[in-house]
Amino acid sequence: MNEFVYIGRIVNTHGIKGELRLLSDFEKKERIFKPNIQIFIGKEKQPETIKNYRHHKQFDMITLEGYQDINEVLKYKGQNVFVKRETLNLKEEEYLYEDLPGMMVLENEKILGKIRNIVYNKANILLYIEGEKNFYIPLSQAYIKQVDRKNRKVLVEGGESLIL
């Protein structure tokens, strides 16, 4: 698994005091968007520390320690933002969406296929499964019964009924 986890993209600045506007669909925002959390920006993974956070419309707004002017943070516009996996303190049964691609999908010990992609639509998050026939399965507790990160398996219920 990757040491760094993608959490969003800086799309713009906001105001003149160095606030940054992020677009993020990261599922565990409450663990990272808070003061004193270290983030890493861009391809070089430049370390920075979050000073303040707030939510505004569809954006996550942050200010960074040591920056108080728009001109100091313009260099980060358009950059991807990461956090170290260890910062998330994931429990054994917890997983991130980005961990799922490549895992085998099984129902009653029958292999249905392999997760190839995650699709975000307005109603659901869907897993794209490649198998004998390709299909989608919603990423919800109604279908996903267990994610075994160690053995790279996802156990589902009702998945076969989604294969057309």
N, C-alpha and C. Protein backbone atom coordinates (compact mmCIF):
# COMPACT_ATOMS: atom_id res chain seq x y z
N MET A 1 0.84 -1.19 0.00
CA MET A 1 0.00 0.00 0.00
C MET A 1 0.88 1.25 0.00
N ASN A 2 0.36 2.28 -0.59
CA ASN A 2 1.12 3.53 -0.70
C ASN A 2 1.28 4.19 0.66
N GLU A 3 2.45 4.79 0.85
CA GLU A 3 2.71 5.54 2.08
C GLU A 3 1.87 6.82 2.10
N PHE A 4 1.69 7.41 0.90
CA PHE A 4 0.93 8.65 0.79
C PHE A 4 -0.46 8.37 0.21
N VAL A 5 -1.46 9.04 0.76
CA VAL A 5 -2.84 8.88 0.34
C VAL A 5 -3.31 10.21 -0.25
N TYR A 6 -3.87 10.14 -1.44
CA TYR A 6 -4.41 11.33 -2.12
C TYR A 6 -5.67 11.79 -1.40
N ILE A 7 -5.73 13.07 -1.03
CA ILE A 7 -6.92 13.58 -0.34
C ILE A 7 -7.64 14.67 -1.10
N GLY A 8 -7.04 15.22 -2.14
CA GLY A 8 -7.73 16.26 -2.89
C GLY A 8 -6.77 17.09 -3.74
N ARG A 9 -7.35 18.14 -4.32
CA ARG A 9 -6.59 19.00 -5.23
C ARG A 9 -6.88 20.46 -4.87
N ILE A 10 -5.83 21.25 -4.82
CA ILE A 10 -5.99 22.69 -4.57
C ILE A 10 -6.42 23.32 -5.89
N VAL A 11 -7.63 23.86 -5.92
CA VAL A 11 -8.15 24.41 -7.17
C VAL A 11 -7.99 25.92 -7.27
N ASN A 12 -7.81 26.57 -6.11
CA ASN A 12 -7.67 28.02 -6.16
C ASN A 12 -7.29 28.54 -4.78
N THR A 13 -7.07 29.84 -4.74
CA THR A 13 -6.91 30.52 -3.46
C THR A 13 -8.25 31.16 -3.13
N HIS A 14 -8.34 31.68 -1.91
CA HIS A 14 -9.58 32.35 -1.50
C HIS A 14 -9.19 33.54 -0.63
N GLY A 15 -9.57 34.73 -1.07
CA GLY A 15 -9.22 35.93 -0.33
C GLY A 15 -7.76 36.29 -0.50
N ILE A 16 -7.30 37.22 0.34
CA ILE A 16 -5.93 37.72 0.20
C ILE A 16 -5.01 37.26 1.32
N LYS A 17 -5.53 36.47 2.26
CA LYS A 17 -4.74 36.07 3.43
C LYS A 17 -4.15 34.66 3.34
N GLY A 18 -4.09 34.10 2.14
CA GLY A 18 -3.41 32.82 1.96
C GLY A 18 -4.26 31.59 2.16
N GLU A 19 -5.58 31.72 2.13
CA GLU A 19 -6.44 30.55 2.28
C GLU A 19 -6.49 29.80 0.95
N LEU A 20 -6.50 28.46 1.03
CA LEU A 20 -6.53 27.61 -0.15
C LEU A 20 -7.86 26.88 -0.25
N ARG A 21 -8.34 26.73 -1.47
CA ARG A 21 -9.60 26.06 -1.75
C ARG A 21 -9.32 24.68 -2.34
N LEU A 22 -9.73 23.63 -1.63
CA LEU A 22 -9.52 22.26 -2.10
C LEU A 22 -10.82 21.63 -2.54
N LEU A 23 -10.73 20.80 -3.56
CA LEU A 23 -11.83 19.91 -3.94
C LEU A 23 -11.42 18.52 -3.47
N SER A 24 -12.24 17.93 -2.62
CA SER A 24 -11.90 16.64 -2.05
C SER A 24 -13.14 15.79 -1.87
N ASP A 25 -13.06 14.52 -2.31
CA ASP A 25 -14.13 13.58 -2.01
C ASP A 25 -13.58 12.48 -1.09
N PHE A 26 -12.52 12.82 -0.37
CA PHE A 26 -11.89 11.87 0.56
C PHE A 26 -12.88 11.47 1.64
N GLU A 27 -12.96 10.18 1.92
CA GLU A 27 -14.00 9.66 2.80
C GLU A 27 -13.74 9.84 4.29
N LYS A 28 -12.56 10.20 4.69
CA LYS A 28 -12.25 10.35 6.11
C LYS A 28 -11.73 11.76 6.41
N LYS A 29 -12.43 12.76 5.92
CA LYS A 29 -12.01 14.15 6.07
C LYS A 29 -11.85 14.57 7.53
N GLU A 30 -12.71 14.04 8.38
CA GLU A 30 -12.69 14.46 9.79
C GLU A 30 -11.37 14.11 10.48
N ARG A 31 -10.60 13.21 9.91
CA ARG A 31 -9.32 12.81 10.51
C ARG A 31 -8.15 13.66 10.05
N ILE A 32 -8.32 14.36 8.94
CA ILE A 32 -7.18 15.09 8.41
C ILE A 32 -7.37 16.60 8.31
N PHE A 33 -8.58 17.05 8.09
CA PHE A 33 -8.79 18.48 7.93
C PHE A 33 -9.02 19.11 9.30
N LYS A 34 -7.91 19.25 10.04
CA LYS A 34 -7.94 19.88 11.34
C LYS A 34 -6.55 20.46 11.63
N PRO A 35 -6.48 21.40 12.55
CA PRO A 35 -5.20 22.05 12.84
C PRO A 35 -4.11 21.06 13.26
N ASN A 36 -2.88 21.40 12.88
CA ASN A 36 -1.65 20.68 13.24
C ASN A 36 -1.46 19.35 12.53
N ILE A 37 -2.28 19.05 11.51
CA ILE A 37 -2.09 17.84 10.73
C ILE A 37 -1.14 18.16 9.57
N GLN A 38 -0.16 17.30 9.36
CA GLN A 38 0.80 17.52 8.28
C GLN A 38 0.25 16.96 6.98
N ILE A 39 0.30 17.78 5.94
CA ILE A 39 -0.09 17.36 4.60
C ILE A 39 1.11 17.52 3.68
N PHE A 40 1.01 16.94 2.49
CA PHE A 40 2.10 16.99 1.52
C PHE A 40 1.53 17.43 0.19
N ILE A 41 2.15 18.43 -0.42
CA ILE A 41 1.58 19.06 -1.61
C ILE A 41 2.49 18.86 -2.82
N GLY A 42 1.83 18.50 -3.94
CA GLY A 42 2.51 18.40 -5.23
C GLY A 42 3.30 17.11 -5.42
N LYS A 43 3.94 17.02 -6.59
CA LYS A 43 4.73 15.83 -6.93
C LYS A 43 5.91 15.65 -5.98
N GLU A 44 6.46 16.76 -5.50
CA GLU A 44 7.61 16.70 -4.60
C GLU A 44 7.18 16.41 -3.17
N LYS A 45 5.86 16.36 -2.92
CA LYS A 45 5.32 16.10 -1.58
C LYS A 45 5.89 17.08 -0.54
N GLN A 46 5.74 18.37 -0.86
CA GLN A 46 6.21 19.43 0.02
C GLN A 46 5.42 19.38 1.33
N PRO A 47 6.09 19.15 2.47
CA PRO A 47 5.36 19.07 3.75
C PRO A 47 4.88 20.44 4.21
N GLU A 48 3.65 20.49 4.65
CA GLU A 48 3.04 21.70 5.21
C GLU A 48 2.13 21.28 6.36
N THR A 49 1.81 22.21 7.22
CA THR A 49 0.95 21.92 8.37
C THR A 49 -0.31 22.78 8.29
N ILE A 50 -1.46 22.14 8.50
CA ILE A 50 -2.73 22.86 8.46
C ILE A 50 -2.85 23.74 9.71
N LYS A 51 -3.15 25.02 9.48
CA LYS A 51 -3.35 25.96 10.59
C LYS A 51 -4.84 26.05 10.93
N ASN A 52 -5.67 26.24 9.90
CA ASN A 52 -7.12 26.35 10.08
C ASN A 52 -7.85 25.60 8.98
N TYR A 53 -9.05 25.17 9.29
CA TYR A 53 -9.91 24.48 8.32
C TYR A 53 -11.34 24.98 8.47
N ARG A 54 -12.02 25.05 7.35
CA ARG A 54 -13.47 25.30 7.35
C ARG A 54 -14.04 24.74 6.05
N HIS A 55 -15.33 24.46 6.08
CA HIS A 55 -16.02 23.98 4.89
C HIS A 55 -16.79 25.16 4.30
N HIS A 56 -16.72 25.32 2.98
CA HIS A 56 -17.42 26.43 2.31
C HIS A 56 -17.95 25.93 0.97
N LYS A 57 -19.28 25.88 0.86
CA LYS A 57 -19.95 25.34 -0.32
C LYS A 57 -19.46 23.92 -0.55
N GLN A 58 -18.94 23.59 -1.74
CA GLN A 58 -18.45 22.23 -1.97
C GLN A 58 -16.94 22.12 -1.72
N PHE A 59 -16.34 23.13 -1.14
CA PHE A 59 -14.89 23.18 -0.97
C PHE A 59 -14.46 22.96 0.48
N ASP A 60 -13.25 22.47 0.62
CA ASP A 60 -12.58 22.39 1.91
C ASP A 60 -11.54 23.50 1.90
N MET A 61 -11.64 24.40 2.85
CA MET A 61 -10.78 25.59 2.88
C MET A 61 -9.74 25.41 3.98
N ILE A 62 -8.46 25.60 3.62
CA ILE A 62 -7.41 25.49 4.62
C ILE A 62 -6.47 26.68 4.55
N THR A 63 -5.88 27.00 5.69
CA THR A 63 -4.74 27.90 5.73
C THR A 63 -3.59 27.08 6.29
N LEU A 64 -2.38 27.43 5.88
CA LEU A 64 -1.20 26.68 6.27
C LEU A 64 -0.35 27.50 7.24
N GLU A 65 0.31 26.80 8.15
CA GLU A 65 1.23 27.47 9.09
C GLU A 65 2.28 28.24 8.32
N GLY A 66 2.53 29.47 8.75
CA GLY A 66 3.61 30.26 8.16
C GLY A 66 3.24 31.05 6.92
N TYR A 67 1.99 30.97 6.46
CA TYR A 67 1.56 31.71 5.28
C TYR A 67 0.42 32.65 5.66
N GLN A 68 0.56 33.92 5.26
CA GLN A 68 -0.47 34.89 5.59
C GLN A 68 -0.85 35.78 4.40
N ASP A 69 -0.36 35.42 3.22
CA ASP A 69 -0.57 36.26 2.05
C ASP A 69 -0.84 35.38 0.83
N ILE A 70 -1.75 35.82 0.00
CA ILE A 70 -2.11 35.07 -1.21
C ILE A 70 -0.89 34.77 -2.09
N ASN A 71 0.03 35.72 -2.18
CA ASN A 71 1.19 35.55 -3.05
C ASN A 71 2.12 34.42 -2.60
N GLU A 72 2.09 34.09 -1.32
CA GLU A 72 2.94 33.02 -0.79
C GLU A 72 2.39 31.63 -1.13
N VAL A 73 1.08 31.52 -1.34
CA VAL A 73 0.47 30.20 -1.57
C VAL A 73 0.07 29.96 -3.03
N LEU A 74 0.23 30.94 -3.89
CA LEU A 74 -0.12 30.78 -5.31
C LEU A 74 0.62 29.60 -5.94
N LYS A 75 1.80 29.28 -5.44
CA LYS A 75 2.60 28.17 -5.98
C LYS A 75 1.89 26.83 -5.84
N TYR A 76 0.92 26.73 -4.93
CA TYR A 76 0.21 25.47 -4.69
C TYR A 76 -1.06 25.31 -5.52
N LYS A 77 -1.45 26.35 -6.23
CA LYS A 77 -2.65 26.28 -7.05
C LYS A 77 -2.51 25.18 -8.11
N GLY A 78 -3.50 24.28 -8.19
CA GLY A 78 -3.48 23.19 -9.16
C GLY A 78 -2.74 21.95 -8.69
N GLN A 79 -2.22 21.96 -7.48
CA GLN A 79 -1.43 20.84 -6.97
C GLN A 79 -2.30 19.82 -6.22
N ASN A 80 -1.89 18.57 -6.28
CA ASN A 80 -2.54 17.51 -5.51
C ASN A 80 -2.06 17.55 -4.07
N VAL A 81 -2.92 17.10 -3.17
CA VAL A 81 -2.61 17.11 -1.74
C VAL A 81 -2.68 15.68 -1.22
N PHE A 82 -1.70 15.33 -0.39
CA PHE A 82 -1.59 13.98 0.16
C PHE A 82 -1.43 14.05 1.67
N VAL A 83 -1.66 12.92 2.31
CA VAL A 83 -1.39 12.76 3.73
C VAL A 83 -0.73 11.40 3.89
N LYS A 84 0.10 11.26 4.92
CA LYS A 84 0.71 9.95 5.16
C LYS A 84 -0.37 9.01 5.71
N ARG A 85 -0.36 7.78 5.24
CA ARG A 85 -1.35 6.77 5.65
C ARG A 85 -1.39 6.61 7.16
N GLU A 86 -0.24 6.66 7.79
CA GLU A 86 -0.18 6.47 9.24
C GLU A 86 -0.94 7.56 10.00
N THR A 87 -1.08 8.74 9.41
CA THR A 87 -1.82 9.84 10.03
C THR A 87 -3.29 9.49 10.23
N LEU A 88 -3.82 8.59 9.39
CA LEU A 88 -5.24 8.24 9.43
C LEU A 88 -5.59 7.29 10.57
N ASN A 89 -4.59 6.63 11.15
CA ASN A 89 -4.83 5.67 12.25
C ASN A 89 -5.95 4.70 11.92
N LEU A 90 -5.84 4.01 10.79
CA LEU A 90 -6.88 3.06 10.38
C LEU A 90 -6.87 1.83 11.28
N LYS A 91 -8.05 1.42 11.67
CA LYS A 91 -8.19 0.19 12.45
C LYS A 91 -8.13 -0.99 11.49
N GLU A 92 -8.00 -2.18 12.03
CA GLU A 92 -7.85 -3.40 11.22
C GLU A 92 -8.98 -3.56 10.20
N GLU A 93 -10.22 -3.25 10.61
CA GLU A 93 -11.37 -3.45 9.73
C GLU A 93 -11.64 -2.25 8.82
N GLU A 94 -10.90 -1.18 8.98
CA GLU A 94 -11.11 0.02 8.16
C GLU A 94 -10.28 -0.05 6.88
N TYR A 95 -10.77 0.61 5.86
CA TYR A 95 -10.08 0.66 4.58
C TYR A 95 -10.38 1.99 3.90
N LEU A 96 -9.59 2.28 2.90
CA LEU A 96 -9.81 3.47 2.08
C LEU A 96 -10.30 3.01 0.72
N TYR A 97 -11.06 3.84 0.05
CA TYR A 97 -11.55 3.49 -1.28
C TYR A 97 -10.40 3.13 -2.21
N GLU A 98 -9.30 3.85 -2.09
CA GLU A 98 -8.18 3.60 -2.99
C GLU A 98 -7.52 2.25 -2.75
N ASP A 99 -7.82 1.59 -1.63
CA ASP A 99 -7.29 0.24 -1.35
C ASP A 99 -8.02 -0.84 -2.14
N LEU A 100 -9.24 -0.55 -2.60
CA LEU A 100 -10.11 -1.58 -3.19
C LEU A 100 -9.72 -2.07 -4.59
N PRO A 101 -9.30 -1.21 -5.52
CA PRO A 101 -8.95 -1.73 -6.85
C PRO A 101 -7.88 -2.82 -6.77
N GLY A 102 -8.14 -3.90 -7.51
CA GLY A 102 -7.24 -5.05 -7.51
C GLY A 102 -7.69 -6.18 -6.59
N MET A 103 -8.63 -5.89 -5.68
CA MET A 103 -9.12 -6.93 -4.77
C MET A 103 -10.10 -7.85 -5.48
N MET A 104 -10.08 -9.12 -5.07
CA MET A 104 -11.02 -10.11 -5.61
C MET A 104 -12.37 -9.95 -4.90
N VAL A 105 -13.46 -10.13 -5.65
CA VAL A 105 -14.82 -10.04 -5.11
C VAL A 105 -15.39 -11.46 -5.06
N LEU A 106 -15.83 -11.88 -3.88
CA LEU A 106 -16.36 -13.23 -3.69
C LEU A 106 -17.75 -13.18 -3.06
N GLU A 107 -18.60 -14.11 -3.51
CA GLU A 107 -19.90 -14.31 -2.88
C GLU A 107 -20.07 -15.81 -2.66
N ASN A 108 -20.28 -16.21 -1.42
CA ASN A 108 -20.39 -17.62 -1.07
C ASN A 108 -19.22 -18.42 -1.63
N GLU A 109 -18.02 -17.90 -1.47
CA GLU A 109 -16.76 -18.51 -1.90
C GLU A 109 -16.61 -18.63 -3.42
N LYS A 110 -17.55 -18.05 -4.19
CA LYS A 110 -17.44 -18.03 -5.65
C LYS A 110 -16.84 -16.68 -6.05
N ILE A 111 -15.82 -16.74 -6.90
CA ILE A 111 -15.17 -15.50 -7.37
C ILE A 111 -16.04 -14.86 -8.44
N LEU A 112 -16.45 -13.62 -8.19
CA LEU A 112 -17.26 -12.88 -9.16
C LEU A 112 -16.39 -12.04 -10.09
N GLY A 113 -15.21 -11.69 -9.62
CA GLY A 113 -14.31 -10.88 -10.45
C GLY A 113 -13.35 -10.09 -9.60
N LYS A 114 -12.75 -9.10 -10.23
CA LYS A 114 -11.76 -8.26 -9.57
C LYS A 114 -12.18 -6.80 -9.70
N ILE A 115 -12.02 -6.05 -8.63
CA ILE A 115 -12.36 -4.62 -8.66
C ILE A 115 -11.32 -3.91 -9.53
N ARG A 116 -11.78 -3.23 -10.56
CA ARG A 116 -10.89 -2.51 -11.46
C ARG A 116 -10.90 -1.00 -11.24
N ASN A 117 -12.05 -0.48 -10.78
CA ASN A 117 -12.16 0.97 -10.68
C ASN A 117 -13.26 1.34 -9.70
N ILE A 118 -13.23 2.57 -9.26
CA ILE A 118 -14.29 3.12 -8.42
C ILE A 118 -14.93 4.25 -9.21
N VAL A 119 -16.25 4.23 -9.30
CA VAL A 119 -16.99 5.24 -10.06
C VAL A 119 -17.83 6.06 -9.09
N TYR A 120 -17.64 7.37 -9.13
CA TYR A 120 -18.41 8.27 -8.29
C TYR A 120 -19.51 8.87 -9.15
N ASN A 121 -20.77 8.58 -8.79
CA ASN A 121 -21.86 9.27 -9.47
C ASN A 121 -22.64 10.03 -8.41
N LYS A 122 -23.65 10.75 -8.79
CA LYS A 122 -24.34 11.60 -7.83
C LYS A 122 -25.13 10.82 -6.79
N ALA A 123 -25.53 9.60 -7.11
CA ALA A 123 -26.35 8.81 -6.19
C ALA A 123 -25.53 7.86 -5.32
N ASN A 124 -24.52 7.21 -5.90
CA ASN A 124 -23.77 6.17 -5.20
C ASN A 124 -22.30 6.19 -5.59
N ILE A 125 -21.54 5.47 -4.80
CA ILE A 125 -20.18 5.13 -5.18
C ILE A 125 -20.26 3.68 -5.65
N LEU A 126 -19.79 3.43 -6.86
CA LEU A 126 -19.90 2.09 -7.45
C LEU A 126 -18.52 1.47 -7.66
N LEU A 127 -18.45 0.17 -7.45
CA LEU A 127 -17.24 -0.58 -7.76
C LEU A 127 -17.44 -1.22 -9.12
N TYR A 128 -16.49 -1.01 -10.03
CA TYR A 128 -16.54 -1.64 -11.34
C TYR A 128 -15.80 -2.96 -11.24
N ILE A 129 -16.52 -4.06 -11.46
CA ILE A 129 -15.98 -5.40 -11.31
C ILE A 129 -15.77 -6.03 -12.68
N GLU A 130 -14.55 -6.53 -12.93
CA GLU A 130 -14.26 -7.27 -14.15
C GLU A 130 -14.24 -8.75 -13.81
N GLY A 131 -15.07 -9.51 -14.51
CA GLY A 131 -15.13 -10.95 -14.31
C GLY A 131 -15.54 -11.60 -15.61
N GLU A 132 -16.25 -12.75 -15.53
CA GLU A 132 -16.79 -13.36 -16.75
C GLU A 132 -17.65 -12.35 -17.47
N LYS A 133 -18.45 -11.62 -16.69
CA LYS A 133 -19.19 -10.47 -17.21
C LYS A 133 -18.85 -9.30 -16.30
N ASN A 134 -18.67 -8.13 -16.88
CA ASN A 134 -18.36 -6.95 -16.10
C ASN A 134 -19.65 -6.37 -15.53
N PHE A 135 -19.57 -5.85 -14.31
CA PHE A 135 -20.75 -5.27 -13.68
C PHE A 135 -20.33 -4.26 -12.61
N TYR A 136 -21.31 -3.55 -12.10
CA TYR A 136 -21.10 -2.57 -11.03
C TYR A 136 -21.80 -3.06 -9.78
N ILE A 137 -21.21 -2.75 -8.63
CA ILE A 137 -21.86 -3.06 -7.36
C ILE A 137 -21.73 -1.81 -6.47
N PRO A 138 -22.82 -1.39 -5.84
CA PRO A 138 -22.73 -0.21 -4.97
C PRO A 138 -21.82 -0.48 -3.77
N LEU A 139 -21.08 0.52 -3.40
CA LEU A 139 -20.22 0.42 -2.22
C LEU A 139 -21.09 0.79 -1.01
N SER A 140 -21.88 -0.17 -0.58
CA SER A 140 -22.76 0.04 0.57
C SER A 140 -22.82 -1.22 1.41
N GLN A 141 -23.22 -1.06 2.66
CA GLN A 141 -23.30 -2.20 3.57
C GLN A 141 -24.34 -3.21 3.14
N ALA A 142 -25.26 -2.81 2.30
CA ALA A 142 -26.27 -3.76 1.80
C ALA A 142 -25.62 -4.85 0.95
N TYR A 143 -24.52 -4.52 0.29
CA TYR A 143 -23.84 -5.49 -0.58
C TYR A 143 -22.47 -5.92 -0.04
N ILE A 144 -21.70 -4.97 0.46
CA ILE A 144 -20.35 -5.26 0.93
C ILE A 144 -20.42 -5.73 2.38
N LYS A 145 -20.05 -6.97 2.61
CA LYS A 145 -20.15 -7.54 3.96
C LYS A 145 -18.81 -7.51 4.70
N GLN A 146 -17.71 -7.64 3.96
CA GLN A 146 -16.41 -7.62 4.62
C GLN A 146 -15.34 -7.27 3.60
N VAL A 147 -14.40 -6.43 4.04
CA VAL A 147 -13.23 -6.11 3.23
C VAL A 147 -12.02 -6.63 4.00
N ASP A 148 -11.33 -7.57 3.39
CA ASP A 148 -10.16 -8.19 3.99
C ASP A 148 -8.92 -7.61 3.30
N ARG A 149 -8.38 -6.53 3.88
CA ARG A 149 -7.22 -5.86 3.26
C ARG A 149 -6.02 -6.78 3.19
N LYS A 150 -5.83 -7.58 4.22
CA LYS A 150 -4.66 -8.45 4.30
C LYS A 150 -4.64 -9.47 3.16
N ASN A 151 -5.78 -10.12 2.89
CA ASN A 151 -5.86 -11.14 1.85
C ASN A 151 -6.38 -10.61 0.52
N ARG A 152 -6.62 -9.26 0.46
CA ARG A 152 -7.07 -8.59 -0.77
C ARG A 152 -8.36 -9.18 -1.31
N LYS A 153 -9.37 -9.37 -0.42
CA LYS A 153 -10.67 -9.92 -0.82
C LYS A 153 -11.80 -9.05 -0.30
N VAL A 154 -12.87 -8.99 -1.07
CA VAL A 154 -14.10 -8.32 -0.65
C VAL A 154 -15.21 -9.37 -0.71
N LEU A 155 -15.86 -9.58 0.43
CA LEU A 155 -16.97 -10.52 0.49
C LEU A 155 -18.27 -9.75 0.33
N VAL A 156 -19.11 -10.19 -0.61
CA VAL A 156 -20.36 -9.48 -0.91
C VAL A 156 -21.55 -10.41 -0.73
N GLU A 157 -22.73 -9.78 -0.67
CA GLU A 157 -23.99 -10.52 -0.62
C GLU A 157 -24.92 -9.85 -1.63
N GLY A 158 -25.51 -10.65 -2.51
CA GLY A 158 -26.40 -10.10 -3.52
C GLY A 158 -25.69 -9.59 -4.76
N GLY A 159 -24.40 -9.80 -4.84
CA GLY A 159 -23.62 -9.33 -5.98
C GLY A 159 -23.95 -10.05 -7.27
N GLU A 160 -24.22 -11.35 -7.18
CA GLU A 160 -24.54 -12.11 -8.40
C GLU A 160 -25.81 -11.60 -9.07
N SER A 161 -26.73 -11.09 -8.29
CA SER A 161 -27.99 -10.59 -8.85
C SER A 161 -27.77 -9.32 -9.69
N LEU A 162 -26.61 -8.68 -9.55
CA LEU A 162 -26.32 -7.46 -10.31
C LEU A 162 -25.65 -7.75 -11.65
N ILE A 163 -25.24 -8.99 -11.87
CA ILE A 163 -24.60 -9.35 -13.13
C ILE A 163 -25.68 -9.56 -14.17
N LEU A 164 -25.60 -8.82 -15.25
CA LEU A 164 -26.61 -8.91 -16.30
C LEU A 164 -26.20 -9.87 -17.39
